[in-house]
């Protein structure tokens, strides 16, 4: 239940943030106003792996070492996941062929 609530709150927050960023950076001319770009940014920004990893490490109470040091690989893994997801979203995004259409 908590995981779903976290995911929903991240999606809502990031949706509002992307819409606000779109308005601030030029409205309809902004790169964030395009639906596929906004959806990709919302998806990548809503990753919840880091809070889940920290929630798993904290109850261990140092059984495998210092909790602060155990979080460092989690941060690195989270950053790697964001980078991989960014490439994946770019690969899976539909190609815009409107620039290649010739007008008679």
PDB file of N, CA and C in Angstrom:
ATOM      1  N   UNK A   1       0.820  -1.193   0.000  1.00  0.00           N
ATOM      2  CA  UNK A   1       0.000   0.000   0.000  1.00  0.00           C
ATOM      3  C   UNK A   1       0.860   1.250   0.000  1.00  0.00           C
ATOM      4  N   UNK A   2       1.900   1.268   0.840  1.00  0.00           N
ATOM      5  CA  UNK A   2       2.758   2.445   0.919  1.00  0.00           C
ATOM      6  C   UNK A   2       3.509   2.672  -0.386  1.00  0.00           C
ATOM      7  N   UNK A   3       3.887   1.585  -1.035  1.00  0.00           N
ATOM      8  CA  UNK A   3       4.617   1.688  -2.301  1.00  0.00           C
ATOM      9  C   UNK A   3       3.729   2.321  -3.376  1.00  0.00           C
ATOM     10  N   UNK A   4       2.477   1.932  -3.407  1.00  0.00           N
ATOM     11  CA  UNK A   4       1.545   2.514  -4.380  1.00  0.00           C
ATOM     12  C   UNK A   4       1.305   3.993  -4.094  1.00  0.00           C
ATOM     13  N   UNK A   5       1.192   4.326  -2.823  1.00  0.00           N
ATOM     14  CA  UNK A   5       0.996   5.717  -2.439  1.00  0.00           C
ATOM     15  C   UNK A   5       2.213   6.564  -2.811  1.00  0.00           C
ATOM     16  N   UNK A   6       3.402   6.024  -2.584  1.00  0.00           N
ATOM     17  CA  UNK A   6       4.627   6.721  -2.972  1.00  0.00           C
ATOM     18  C   UNK A   6       4.677   6.926  -4.481  1.00  0.00           C
ATOM     19  N   UNK A   7       4.379   5.885  -5.233  1.00  0.00           N
ATOM     20  CA  UNK A   7       4.407   5.976  -6.695  1.00  0.00           C
ATOM     21  C   UNK A   7       3.385   6.995  -7.196  1.00  0.00           C
ATOM     22  N   UNK A   8       2.194   6.964  -6.655  1.00  0.00           N
ATOM     23  CA  UNK A   8       1.158   7.908  -7.068  1.00  0.00           C
ATOM     24  C   UNK A   8       1.541   9.342  -6.716  1.00  0.00           C
ATOM     25  N   UNK A   9       2.086   9.542  -5.523  1.00  0.00           N
ATOM     26  CA  UNK A   9       2.482  10.899  -5.139  1.00  0.00           C
ATOM     27  C   UNK A   9       3.628  11.410  -6.005  1.00  0.00           C
ATOM     28  N   UNK A  10       4.586  10.552  -6.364  1.00  0.00           N
ATOM     29  CA  UNK A  10       5.664  10.964  -7.263  1.00  0.00           C
ATOM     30  C   UNK A  10       5.128  11.317  -8.650  1.00  0.00           C
ATOM     31  N   UNK A  11       4.206  10.523  -9.158  1.00  0.00           N
ATOM     32  CA  UNK A  11       3.627  10.811 -10.475  1.00  0.00           C
ATOM     33  C   UNK A  11       2.869  12.139 -10.466  1.00  0.00           C
ATOM     34  N   UNK A  12       2.099  12.381  -9.424  1.00  0.00           N
ATOM     35  CA  UNK A  12       1.330  13.632  -9.342  1.00  0.00           C
ATOM     36  C   UNK A  12       2.270  14.823  -9.208  1.00  0.00           C
ATOM     37  N   UNK A  13       3.237  14.724  -8.320  1.00  0.00           N
ATOM     38  CA  UNK A  13       4.186  15.825  -8.128  1.00  0.00           C
ATOM     39  C   UNK A  13       4.946  16.124  -9.412  1.00  0.00           C
ATOM     40  N   UNK A  14       5.447  15.084 -10.081  1.00  0.00           N
ATOM     41  CA  UNK A  14       6.225  15.293 -11.294  1.00  0.00           C
ATOM     42  C   UNK A  14       5.356  15.782 -12.448  1.00  0.00           C
ATOM     43  N   UNK A  15       4.108  15.373 -12.500  1.00  0.00           N
ATOM     44  CA  UNK A  15       3.205  15.891 -13.531  1.00  0.00           C
ATOM     45  C   UNK A  15       2.991  17.385 -13.360  1.00  0.00           C
ATOM     46  N   UNK A  16       2.768  17.807 -12.130  1.00  0.00           N
ATOM     47  CA  UNK A  16       2.597  19.237 -11.857  1.00  0.00           C
ATOM     48  C   UNK A  16       3.891  19.991 -12.150  1.00  0.00           C
ATOM     49  N   UNK A  17       5.026  19.420 -11.761  1.00  0.00           N
ATOM     50  CA  UNK A  17       6.318  20.073 -11.990  1.00  0.00           C
ATOM     51  C   UNK A  17       6.612  20.231 -13.478  1.00  0.00           C
ATOM     52  N   UNK A  18       6.318  19.207 -14.279  1.00  0.00           N
ATOM     53  CA  UNK A  18       6.574  19.289 -15.726  1.00  0.00           C
ATOM     54  C   UNK A  18       5.647  20.309 -16.374  1.00  0.00           C
ATOM     55  N   UNK A  19       4.396  20.343 -15.968  1.00  0.00           N
ATOM     56  CA  UNK A  19       3.467  21.348 -16.522  1.00  0.00           C
ATOM     57  C   UNK A  19       3.933  22.759 -16.156  1.00  0.00           C
ATOM     58  N   UNK A  20       4.360  22.939 -14.921  1.00  0.00           N
ATOM     59  CA  UNK A  20       4.863  24.248 -14.492  1.00  0.00           C
ATOM     60  C   UNK A  20       6.127  24.627 -15.257  1.00  0.00           C
ATOM     61  N   UNK A  21       7.012  23.677 -15.441  1.00  0.00           N
ATOM     62  CA  UNK A  21       8.232  23.920 -16.194  1.00  0.00           C
ATOM     63  C   UNK A  21       7.928  24.281 -17.639  1.00  0.00           C
ATOM     64  N   UNK A  22       6.929  23.658 -18.197  1.00  0.00           N
ATOM     65  CA  UNK A  22       6.511  23.968 -19.561  1.00  0.00           C
ATOM     66  C   UNK A  22       6.002  25.398 -19.663  1.00  0.00           C
ATOM     67  N   UNK A  23       5.204  25.815 -18.703  1.00  0.00           N
ATOM     68  CA  UNK A  23       4.651  27.174 -18.710  1.00  0.00           C
ATOM     69  C   UNK A  23       5.757  28.209 -18.528  1.00  0.00           C
ATOM     70  N   UNK A  24       6.673  27.940 -17.608  1.00  0.00           N
ATOM     71  CA  UNK A  24       7.748  28.884 -17.312  1.00  0.00           C
ATOM     72  C   UNK A  24       8.713  29.010 -18.484  1.00  0.00           C
ATOM     73  N   UNK A  25       8.967  27.921 -19.188  1.00  0.00           N
ATOM     74  CA  UNK A  25      10.004  27.926 -20.224  1.00  0.00           C
ATOM     75  C   UNK A  25       9.479  28.192 -21.630  1.00  0.00           C
ATOM     76  N   UNK A  26       8.316  28.775 -21.781  1.00  0.00           N
ATOM     77  CA  UNK A  26       7.889  29.186 -23.110  1.00  0.00           C
ATOM     78  C   UNK A  26       6.525  28.710 -23.548  1.00  0.00           C
ATOM     79  N   UNK A  27       5.763  28.129 -22.677  1.00  0.00           N
ATOM     80  CA  UNK A  27       4.405  27.709 -23.027  1.00  0.00           C
ATOM     81  C   UNK A  27       4.380  26.632 -24.097  1.00  0.00           C
ATOM     82  N   UNK A  28       3.617  26.865 -25.158  1.00  0.00           N
ATOM     83  CA  UNK A  28       3.466  25.854 -26.212  1.00  0.00           C
ATOM     84  C   UNK A  28       4.738  25.639 -27.013  1.00  0.00           C
ATOM     85  N   UNK A  29       5.648  26.605 -26.995  1.00  0.00           N
ATOM     86  CA  UNK A  29       6.907  26.474 -27.727  1.00  0.00           C
ATOM     87  C   UNK A  29       7.953  25.693 -26.947  1.00  0.00           C
ATOM     88  N   UNK A  30       7.699  25.452 -25.687  1.00  0.00           N
ATOM     89  CA  UNK A  30       8.648  24.745 -24.833  1.00  0.00           C
ATOM     90  C   UNK A  30       8.776  23.289 -25.250  1.00  0.00           C
ATOM     91  N   UNK A  31       9.969  22.753 -25.066  1.00  0.00           N
ATOM     92  CA  UNK A  31      10.200  21.335 -25.365  1.00  0.00           C
ATOM     93  C   UNK A  31       9.399  20.443 -24.411  1.00  0.00           C
ATOM     94  N   UNK A  32       9.073  20.972 -23.228  1.00  0.00           N
ATOM     95  CA  UNK A  32       8.319  20.197 -22.247  1.00  0.00           C
ATOM     96  C   UNK A  32       6.827  20.173 -22.549  1.00  0.00           C
ATOM     97  N   UNK A  33       6.374  20.999 -23.478  1.00  0.00           N
ATOM     98  CA  UNK A  33       4.950  21.018 -23.803  1.00  0.00           C
ATOM     99  C   UNK A  33       4.569  19.875 -24.742  1.00  0.00           C
ATOM    100  N   UNK A  34       5.556  19.288 -25.424  1.00  0.00           N
ATOM    101  CA  UNK A  34       5.260  18.129 -26.277  1.00  0.00           C
ATOM    102  C   UNK A  34       4.931  16.938 -25.388  1.00  0.00           C
ATOM    103  N   UNK A  35       3.859  16.265 -25.715  1.00  0.00           N
ATOM    104  CA  UNK A  35       3.345  15.200 -24.852  1.00  0.00           C
ATOM    105  C   UNK A  35       4.352  14.076 -24.636  1.00  0.00           C
ATOM    106  N   UNK A  36       5.036  13.655 -25.692  1.00  0.00           N
ATOM    107  CA  UNK A  36       5.975  12.537 -25.538  1.00  0.00           C
ATOM    108  C   UNK A  36       7.166  12.928 -24.668  1.00  0.00           C
ATOM    109  N   UNK A  37       7.621  14.180 -24.757  1.00  0.00           N
ATOM    110  CA  UNK A  37       8.717  14.627 -23.894  1.00  0.00           C
ATOM    111  C   UNK A  37       8.261  14.737 -22.445  1.00  0.00           C
ATOM    112  N   UNK A  38       7.075  15.258 -22.242  1.00  0.00           N
ATOM    113  CA  UNK A  38       6.540  15.379 -20.883  1.00  0.00           C
ATOM    114  C   UNK A  38       6.350  14.000 -20.252  1.00  0.00           C
ATOM    115  N   UNK A  39       5.801  13.063 -21.010  1.00  0.00           N
ATOM    116  CA  UNK A  39       5.598  11.708 -20.480  1.00  0.00           C
ATOM    117  C   UNK A  39       6.923  11.039 -20.135  1.00  0.00           C
ATOM    118  N   UNK A  40       7.934  11.224 -20.979  1.00  0.00           N
ATOM    119  CA  UNK A  40       9.245  10.625 -20.716  1.00  0.00           C
ATOM    120  C   UNK A  40       9.860  11.215 -19.451  1.00  0.00           C
ATOM    121  N   UNK A  41       9.774  12.523 -19.298  1.00  0.00           N
ATOM    122  CA  UNK A  41      10.336  13.169 -18.117  1.00  0.00           C
ATOM    123  C   UNK A  41       9.607  12.742 -16.847  1.00  0.00           C
ATOM    124  N   UNK A  42       8.297  12.636 -16.922  1.00  0.00           N
ATOM    125  CA  UNK A  42       7.519  12.196 -15.761  1.00  0.00           C
ATOM    126  C   UNK A  42       7.888  10.766 -15.385  1.00  0.00           C
ATOM    127  N   UNK A  43       8.047   9.899 -16.369  1.00  0.00           N
ATOM    128  CA  UNK A  43       8.397   8.503 -16.113  1.00  0.00           C
ATOM    129  C   UNK A  43       9.776   8.384 -15.467  1.00  0.00           C
ATOM    130  N   UNK A  44      10.748   9.067 -16.034  1.00  0.00           N
ATOM    131  CA  UNK A  44      12.111   8.968 -15.511  1.00  0.00           C
ATOM    132  C   UNK A  44      12.225   9.621 -14.130  1.00  0.00           C
ATOM    133  N   UNK A  45      11.546  10.738 -13.933  1.00  0.00           N
ATOM    134  CA  UNK A  45      11.637  11.440 -12.656  1.00  0.00           C
ATOM    135  C   UNK A  45      10.866  10.741 -11.539  1.00  0.00           C
ATOM    136  N   UNK A  46       9.982   9.836 -11.881  1.00  0.00           N
ATOM    137  CA  UNK A  46       9.151   9.169 -10.867  1.00  0.00           C
ATOM    138  C   UNK A  46       9.737   7.846 -10.386  1.00  0.00           C
ATOM    139  N   UNK A  47      11.004   7.616 -10.619  1.00  0.00           N
ATOM    140  CA  UNK A  47      11.628   6.386 -10.142  1.00  0.00           C
ATOM    141  C   UNK A  47      11.585   6.353  -8.632  1.00  0.00           C
ATOM    142  N   UNK A  48      11.232   5.221  -8.075  1.00  0.00           N
ATOM    143  CA  UNK A  48      11.127   5.117  -6.623  1.00  0.00           C
ATOM    144  C   UNK A  48      12.088   4.079  -6.045  1.00  0.00           C
ATOM    145  N   UNK A  49      13.110   3.709  -6.796  1.00  0.00           N
ATOM    146  CA  UNK A  49      14.029   2.680  -6.313  1.00  0.00           C
ATOM    147  C   UNK A  49      14.843   3.130  -5.117  1.00  0.00           C
ATOM    148  N   UNK A  50      15.270   4.384  -5.091  1.00  0.00           N
ATOM    149  CA  UNK A  50      16.107   4.844  -3.985  1.00  0.00           C
ATOM    150  C   UNK A  50      15.366   4.825  -2.649  1.00  0.00           C
ATOM    151  N   UNK A  51      14.141   5.358  -2.561  1.00  0.00           N
ATOM    152  CA  UNK A  51      13.441   5.264  -1.268  1.00  0.00           C
ATOM    153  C   UNK A  51      13.177   3.823  -0.835  1.00  0.00           C
ATOM    154  N   UNK A  52      12.926   2.951  -1.785  1.00  0.00           N
ATOM    155  CA  UNK A  52      12.687   1.543  -1.442  1.00  0.00           C
ATOM    156  C   UNK A  52      13.974   0.901  -0.938  1.00  0.00           C
ATOM    157  N   UNK A  53      15.111   1.205  -1.595  1.00  0.00           N
ATOM    158  CA  UNK A  53      16.387   0.643  -1.142  1.00  0.00           C
ATOM    159  C   UNK A  53      16.736   1.120   0.261  1.00  0.00           C
ATOM    160  N   UNK A  54      16.520   2.392   0.530  1.00  0.00           N
ATOM    161  CA  UNK A  54      16.813   2.931   1.860  1.00  0.00           C
ATOM    162  C   UNK A  54      15.882   2.307   2.895  1.00  0.00           C
ATOM    163  N   UNK A  55      14.631   2.086   2.517  1.00  0.00           N
ATOM    164  CA  UNK A  55      13.683   1.449   3.437  1.00  0.00           C
ATOM    165  C   UNK A  55      14.083   0.010   3.745  1.00  0.00           C
ATOM    166  N   UNK A  56      14.773  -0.654   2.836  1.00  0.00           N
ATOM    167  CA  UNK A  56      15.246  -2.021   3.081  1.00  0.00           C
ATOM    168  C   UNK A  56      16.502  -2.001   3.946  1.00  0.00           C
ATOM    169  N   UNK A  57      17.382  -1.037   3.722  1.00  0.00           N
ATOM    170  CA  UNK A  57      18.649  -0.981   4.462  1.00  0.00           C
ATOM    171  C   UNK A  57      18.447  -0.549   5.914  1.00  0.00           C
ATOM    172  N   UNK A  58      17.565   0.384   6.142  1.00  0.00           N
ATOM    173  CA  UNK A  58      17.404   0.959   7.480  1.00  0.00           C
ATOM    174  C   UNK A  58      17.058  -0.074   8.558  1.00  0.00           C
ATOM    175  N   UNK A  59      16.140  -1.012   8.324  1.00  0.00           N
ATOM    176  CA  UNK A  59      15.834  -1.990   9.391  1.00  0.00           C
ATOM    177  C   UNK A  59      16.971  -2.967   9.698  1.00  0.00           C
ATOM    178  N   UNK A  60      17.999  -3.006   8.868  1.00  0.00           N
ATOM    179  CA  UNK A  60      19.118  -3.916   9.125  1.00  0.00           C
ATOM    180  C   UNK A  60      19.960  -3.465  10.309  1.00  0.00           C
ATOM    181  N   UNK A  61      19.875  -2.195  10.670  1.00  0.00           N
ATOM    182  CA  UNK A  61      20.587  -1.638  11.823  1.00  0.00           C
ATOM    183  C   UNK A  61      22.070  -1.978  11.816  1.00  0.00           C
ATOM    184  N   UNK A  62      22.689  -1.844  10.657  1.00  0.00           N
ATOM    185  CA  UNK A  62      24.133  -2.029  10.565  1.00  0.00           C
ATOM    186  C   UNK A  62      24.595  -3.468  10.572  1.00  0.00           C
ATOM    187  N   UNK A  63      23.737  -4.425  10.271  1.00  0.00           N
ATOM    188  CA  UNK A  63      24.139  -5.833  10.277  1.00  0.00           C
ATOM    189  C   UNK A  63      25.178  -6.130   9.191  1.00  0.00           C
ATOM    190  N   UNK A  64      25.153  -5.391   8.098  1.00  0.00           N
ATOM    191  CA  UNK A  64      26.101  -5.599   7.005  1.00  0.00           C
ATOM    192  C   UNK A  64      27.087  -4.441   6.868  1.00  0.00           C
ATOM    193  N   UNK A  65      27.149  -3.586   7.864  1.00  0.00           N
ATOM    194  CA  UNK A  65      28.037  -2.430   7.829  1.00  0.00           C
ATOM    195  C   UNK A  65      27.249  -1.173   8.154  1.00  0.00           C
ATOM    196  N   UNK A  66      27.923  -0.051   8.059  1.00  0.00           N
ATOM    197  CA  UNK A  66      27.287   1.234   8.334  1.00  0.00           C
ATOM    198  C   UNK A  66      26.172   1.507   7.333  1.00  0.00           C
ATOM    199  N   UNK A  67      25.019   1.927   7.835  1.00  0.00           N
ATOM    200  CA  UNK A  67      23.889   2.215   6.958  1.00  0.00           C
ATOM    201  C   UNK A  67      24.218   3.317   5.961  1.00  0.00           C
ATOM    202  N   UNK A  68      24.963   4.330   6.400  1.00  0.00           N
ATOM    203  CA  UNK A  68      25.336   5.417   5.513  1.00  0.00           C
ATOM    204  C   UNK A  68      26.195   4.954   4.360  1.00  0.00           C
ATOM    205  N   UNK A  69      27.091   4.016   4.617  1.00  0.00           N
ATOM    206  CA  UNK A  69      27.946   3.490   3.549  1.00  0.00           C
ATOM    207  C   UNK A  69      27.184   2.534   2.633  1.00  0.00           C
ATOM    208  N   UNK A  70      26.212   1.825   3.188  1.00  0.00           N
ATOM    209  CA  UNK A  70      25.415   0.911   2.365  1.00  0.00           C
ATOM    210  C   UNK A  70      24.502   1.660   1.400  1.00  0.00           C
ATOM    211  N   UNK A  71      24.194   2.905   1.717  1.00  0.00           N
ATOM    212  CA  UNK A  71      23.315   3.700   0.855  1.00  0.00           C
ATOM    213  C   UNK A  71      24.059   4.172  -0.402  1.00  0.00           C
ATOM    214  N   UNK A  72      25.378   4.322  -0.330  1.00  0.00           N
ATOM    215  CA  UNK A  72      26.144   4.823  -1.476  1.00  0.00           C
ATOM    216  C   UNK A  72      25.974   3.968  -2.742  1.00  0.00           C
ATOM    217  N   UNK A  73      26.087   2.637  -2.659  1.00  0.00           N
ATOM    218  CA  UNK A  73      25.831   1.849  -3.875  1.00  0.00           C
ATOM    219  C   UNK A  73      24.376   1.965  -4.349  1.00  0.00           C
ATOM    220  N   UNK A  74      23.472   2.198  -3.410  1.00  0.00           N
ATOM    221  CA  UNK A  74      22.065   2.392  -3.785  1.00  0.00           C
ATOM    222  C   UNK A  74      21.891   3.664  -4.598  1.00  0.00           C
ATOM    223  N   UNK A  75      22.572   4.725  -4.193  1.00  0.00           N
ATOM    224  CA  UNK A  75      22.512   5.983  -4.947  1.00  0.00           C
ATOM    225  C   UNK A  75      23.100   5.777  -6.335  1.00  0.00           C
ATOM    226  N   UNK A  76      24.227   5.085  -6.417  1.00  0.00           N
ATOM    227  CA  UNK A  76      24.848   4.812  -7.720  1.00  0.00           C
ATOM    228  C   UNK A  76      23.919   3.972  -8.605  1.00  0.00           C
ATOM    229  N   UNK A  77      23.288   2.962  -8.030  1.00  0.00           N
ATOM    230  CA  UNK A  77      22.360   2.129  -8.810  1.00  0.00           C
ATOM    231  C   UNK A  77      21.158   2.943  -9.271  1.00  0.00           C
ATOM    232  N   UNK A  78      20.686   3.846  -8.421  1.00  0.00           N
ATOM    233  CA  UNK A  78      19.553   4.690  -8.785  1.00  0.00           C
ATOM    234  C   UNK A  78      19.917   5.610  -9.945  1.00  0.00           C
ATOM    235  N   UNK A  79      21.086   6.219  -9.894  1.00  0.00           N
ATOM    236  CA  UNK A  79      21.532   7.075 -10.997  1.00  0.00           C
ATOM    237  C   UNK A  79      21.696   6.278 -12.292  1.00  0.00           C
ATOM    238  N   UNK A  80      22.237   5.066 -12.181  1.00  0.00           N
ATOM    239  CA  UNK A  80      22.361   4.204 -13.370  1.00  0.00           C
ATOM    240  C   UNK A  80      20.994   3.869 -13.943  1.00  0.00           C
ATOM    241  N   UNK A  81      20.030   3.598 -13.091  1.00  0.00           N
ATOM    242  CA  UNK A  81      18.692   3.273 -13.567  1.00  0.00           C
ATOM    243  C   UNK A  81      18.063   4.459 -14.280  1.00  0.00           C
ATOM    244  N   UNK A  82      18.263   5.666 -13.762  1.00  0.00           N
ATOM    245  CA  UNK A  82      17.728   6.857 -14.420  1.00  0.00           C
ATOM    246  C   UNK A  82      18.358   7.037 -15.791  1.00  0.00           C
ATOM    247  N   UNK A  83      19.668   6.833 -15.891  1.00  0.00           N
ATOM    248  CA  UNK A  83      20.353   6.977 -17.179  1.00  0.00           C
ATOM    249  C   UNK A  83      19.864   5.934 -18.178  1.00  0.00           C
ATOM    250  N   UNK A  84      19.771   4.686 -17.750  1.00  0.00           N
ATOM    251  CA  UNK A  84      19.297   3.621 -18.643  1.00  0.00           C
ATOM    252  C   UNK A  84      17.851   3.870 -19.064  1.00  0.00           C
ATOM    253  N   UNK A  85      17.014   4.302 -18.123  1.00  0.00           N
ATOM    254  CA  UNK A  85      15.620   4.599 -18.461  1.00  0.00           C
ATOM    255  C   UNK A  85      15.522   5.756 -19.443  1.00  0.00           C
ATOM    256  N   UNK A  86      16.414   6.725 -19.330  1.00  0.00           N
ATOM    257  CA  UNK A  86      16.407   7.846 -20.271  1.00  0.00           C
ATOM    258  C   UNK A  86      16.706   7.360 -21.690  1.00  0.00           C
ATOM    259  N   UNK A  87      17.697   6.482 -21.821  1.00  0.00           N
ATOM    260  CA  UNK A  87      18.000   5.929 -23.135  1.00  0.00           C
ATOM    261  C   UNK A  87      16.852   5.050 -23.637  1.00  0.00           C
ATOM    262  N   UNK A  88      16.251   4.279 -22.736  1.00  0.00           N
ATOM    263  CA  UNK A  88      15.145   3.399 -23.118  1.00  0.00           C
ATOM    264  C   UNK A  88      13.938   4.195 -23.590  1.00  0.00           C
ATOM    265  N   UNK A  89      13.614   5.268 -22.886  1.00  0.00           N
ATOM    266  CA  UNK A  89      12.486   6.109 -23.281  1.00  0.00           C
ATOM    267  C   UNK A  89      12.751   6.727 -24.646  1.00  0.00           C
ATOM    268  N   UNK A  90      13.971   7.181 -24.877  1.00  0.00           N
ATOM    269  CA  UNK A  90      14.325   7.776 -26.157  1.00  0.00           C
ATOM    270  C   UNK A  90      14.228   6.744 -27.279  1.00  0.00           C
ATOM    271  N   UNK A  91      14.624   5.510 -26.997  1.00  0.00           N
ATOM    272  CA  UNK A  91      14.561   4.443 -28.004  1.00  0.00           C
ATOM    273  C   UNK A  91      13.122   4.035 -28.312  1.00  0.00           C
ATOM    274  N   UNK A  92      12.284   3.966 -27.295  1.00  0.00           N
ATOM    275  CA  UNK A  92      10.913   3.498 -27.472  1.00  0.00           C
ATOM    276  C   UNK A  92       9.950   4.582 -27.942  1.00  0.00           C
ATOM    277  N   UNK A  93      10.383   5.819 -27.879  1.00  0.00           N
ATOM    278  CA  UNK A  93       9.511   6.938 -28.259  1.00  0.00           C
ATOM    279  C   UNK A  93       9.239   6.872 -29.759  1.00  0.00           C
ATOM    280  N   UNK A  94       7.988   7.141 -30.154  1.00  0.00           N
ATOM    281  CA  UNK A  94       7.673   7.129 -31.581  1.00  0.00           C
ATOM    282  C   UNK A  94       8.441   8.226 -32.298  1.00  0.00           C
ATOM    283  N   UNK A  95       8.904   7.905 -33.483  1.00  0.00           N
ATOM    284  CA  UNK A  95       9.685   8.855 -34.272  1.00  0.00           C
ATOM    285  C   UNK A  95       8.766   9.894 -34.902  1.00  0.00           C
ATOM    286  N   UNK A  96       9.181  11.131 -34.851  1.00  0.00           N
ATOM    287  CA  UNK A  96       8.420  12.238 -35.438  1.00  0.00           C
ATOM    288  C   UNK A  96       8.895  12.437 -36.868  1.00  0.00           C
ATOM    289  N   UNK A  97       8.072  12.068 -37.826  1.00  0.00           N
ATOM    290  CA  UNK A  97       8.430  12.175 -39.235  1.00  0.00           C
ATOM    291  C   UNK A  97       7.813  13.414 -39.887  1.00  0.00           C
ATOM    292  N   UNK A  98       7.265  14.329 -39.088  1.00  0.00           N
ATOM    293  CA  UNK A  98       6.624  15.499 -39.665  1.00  0.00           C
ATOM    294  C   UNK A  98       7.630  16.426 -40.329  1.00  0.00           C
ATOM    295  N   UNK A  99       8.902  16.358 -39.922  1.00  0.00           N
ATOM    296  CA  UNK A  99       9.926  17.190 -40.541  1.00  0.00           C
ATOM    297  C   UNK A  99      10.318  16.679 -41.932  1.00  0.00           C
ATOM    298  N   UNK A 100      10.046  15.407 -42.192  1.00  0.00           N
ATOM    299  CA  UNK A 100      10.427  14.814 -43.458  1.00  0.00           C
ATOM    300  C   UNK A 100       9.359  14.896 -44.524  1.00  0.00           C
ATOM    301  N   UNK A 101       8.203  15.455 -44.181  1.00  0.00           N
ATOM    302  CA  UNK A 101       7.088  15.546 -45.125  1.00  0.00           C
ATOM    303  C   UNK A 101       7.300  16.750 -46.008  1.00  0.00           C
ATOM    304  N   UNK A 102       7.222  16.532 -47.339  1.00  0.00           N
ATOM    305  CA  UNK A 102       7.390  17.625 -48.289  1.00  0.00           C
ATOM    306  C   UNK A 102       6.035  18.245 -48.587  1.00  0.00           C
ATOM    307  N   UNK A 103       6.010  19.553 -48.612  1.00  0.00           N
ATOM    308  CA  UNK A 103       4.777  20.281 -48.897  1.00  0.00           C
ATOM    309  C   UNK A 103       4.787  20.656 -50.358  1.00  0.00           C
ATOM    310  N   UNK A 104       3.692  20.345 -51.057  1.00  0.00           N
ATOM    311  CA  UNK A 104       3.622  20.629 -52.495  1.00  0.00           C
ATOM    312  C   UNK A 104       3.227  22.050 -52.767  1.00  0.00           C
TER     313      UNK A 104
END
